[in-house]
Structures are given as structure tokens and as C-alpha cells.
Amino acid sequence: MRRFLFSTSFVLLVLVGLVAGLIVSNLYTYHRLTDEAPIARLQFEPMAPRQYAVELLTGDFCKPQRFTLYGDQWRIDARFLKWKPLANLLGLDAMYRLERLSGRYRDTAAENREPHQAWDIGLKPRVDLLDYVNRDWKYWSPVDTYFGSSVYEDIDPAYRYTVYRGQSGLLVRKEPLAPAHYENGELVIHIDRDCRRAAE
């Protein structure tokens, strides 16, 4: 009888542990799948009608790159790697590789007629192992899907744009730049924080 009670208690304890583990893992999954992180920041300066100088910050946000874009809008393309749910639960976030920055026109007639400029902004591997994995190890691979993602927005030099990576692609948010202004007779100029903290 005592042995029966012990085994019943043990089974109940294991079941409670399993249910608690499922609940925690469910909540953990929800957190992981909605995680976002900033990966690029852009600011624009007009040079001519529909021509802009753009400052792009990526990586640690410390080394600006400068490009020229044509159009009414900017666009960033990236390649995404999304893990299967079990791999995500084990802590593997979606991964990305920035590929291209380009200009874009709102009007398709202008898109086909006006000048274009596109820039490579990411490192390209000599051999892409993911193509091999997807082709020959598809059913055993922890990779769920490998896809391209793009985001675009109107160009407005009065705003700074931040591109974020989510678990399923890119998204963008913008914030107005603080203009220099006078306050109590003194010139006030907005200065960004240390670049090492820019992504925080």
C-alpha cells in the first residue's frame, strides 16, 4: 500500500512537472517569436529632386556608410533564416543577412523611366551552405525556411528610420529628427548617444 501511494505521488508529481513545463515553454515560445532587434538606421539629405545622400548605420552602429539613392522611397532587402519551432525553443532566433539598399519610386511609370541605384550592403559568402542543406538535408535540417524580406518607406529628411528584424522578417519605424533651435537665447543641438549604445 505504501509503495502504491509512493508511485501514485511520483506519477502525479511528474505530470504536474510536465504541465508546468509545457506552460513555461509555451510562454517562452511566445516571447521568442515576437523578439525584435534594430539592425539598421538611415538618415537622408536631399541633393537634387528625387536624389538623396543617405547615411546608413548597421552592425554596432558605429561606422556610417554613405550612398546616393534616386526615387521617392528607400528600400532594404535581407535574406532570412527561420528555425523550426523546437530549435527556436532551444534559443535559436531567426537570423538575417543584409543584402541590398536601393531607391524606389511611388509611381510605376517613374520606376520604369527614372534612374536607379542599388548598393550591396552585406557580406556574401563564397559558398552558401544553406542551399546545400535545403536541397540534401531538408527533412533533417533544423531550418524551417530560408527567404527574402524587404521593407520600404517614403524618404523624408526630417525623419530618422530604424529597421528591425523580427522572427519573420523586417519592419521599420521612424522618428522625427530633433532640429537645432534656440532656447533662452542659446543654440541647442541634439547629439546622439555613444554609437556603442545606439542599438540599445
Foldseek 3Di string as FASTA:
>chain_A
DVVVVVVVVVVVVVVVVVVVVVVVLVVLLVPQQFDKFWAKKKAWDDDDVQKIWIWMAGDLRADTDIDIAGEFKKKWKKKKWAFDSVVSSVPDAIDIWTFKIWYDYPDVVCRVPPDIDMDGDGDDDPDDCVVVCCVPVVVPDRTPDMGMAMDMDGHDNQKMKTWMAGRVHIDIDIDGADPWDDDPNDTDDDDDDDSSPVRD
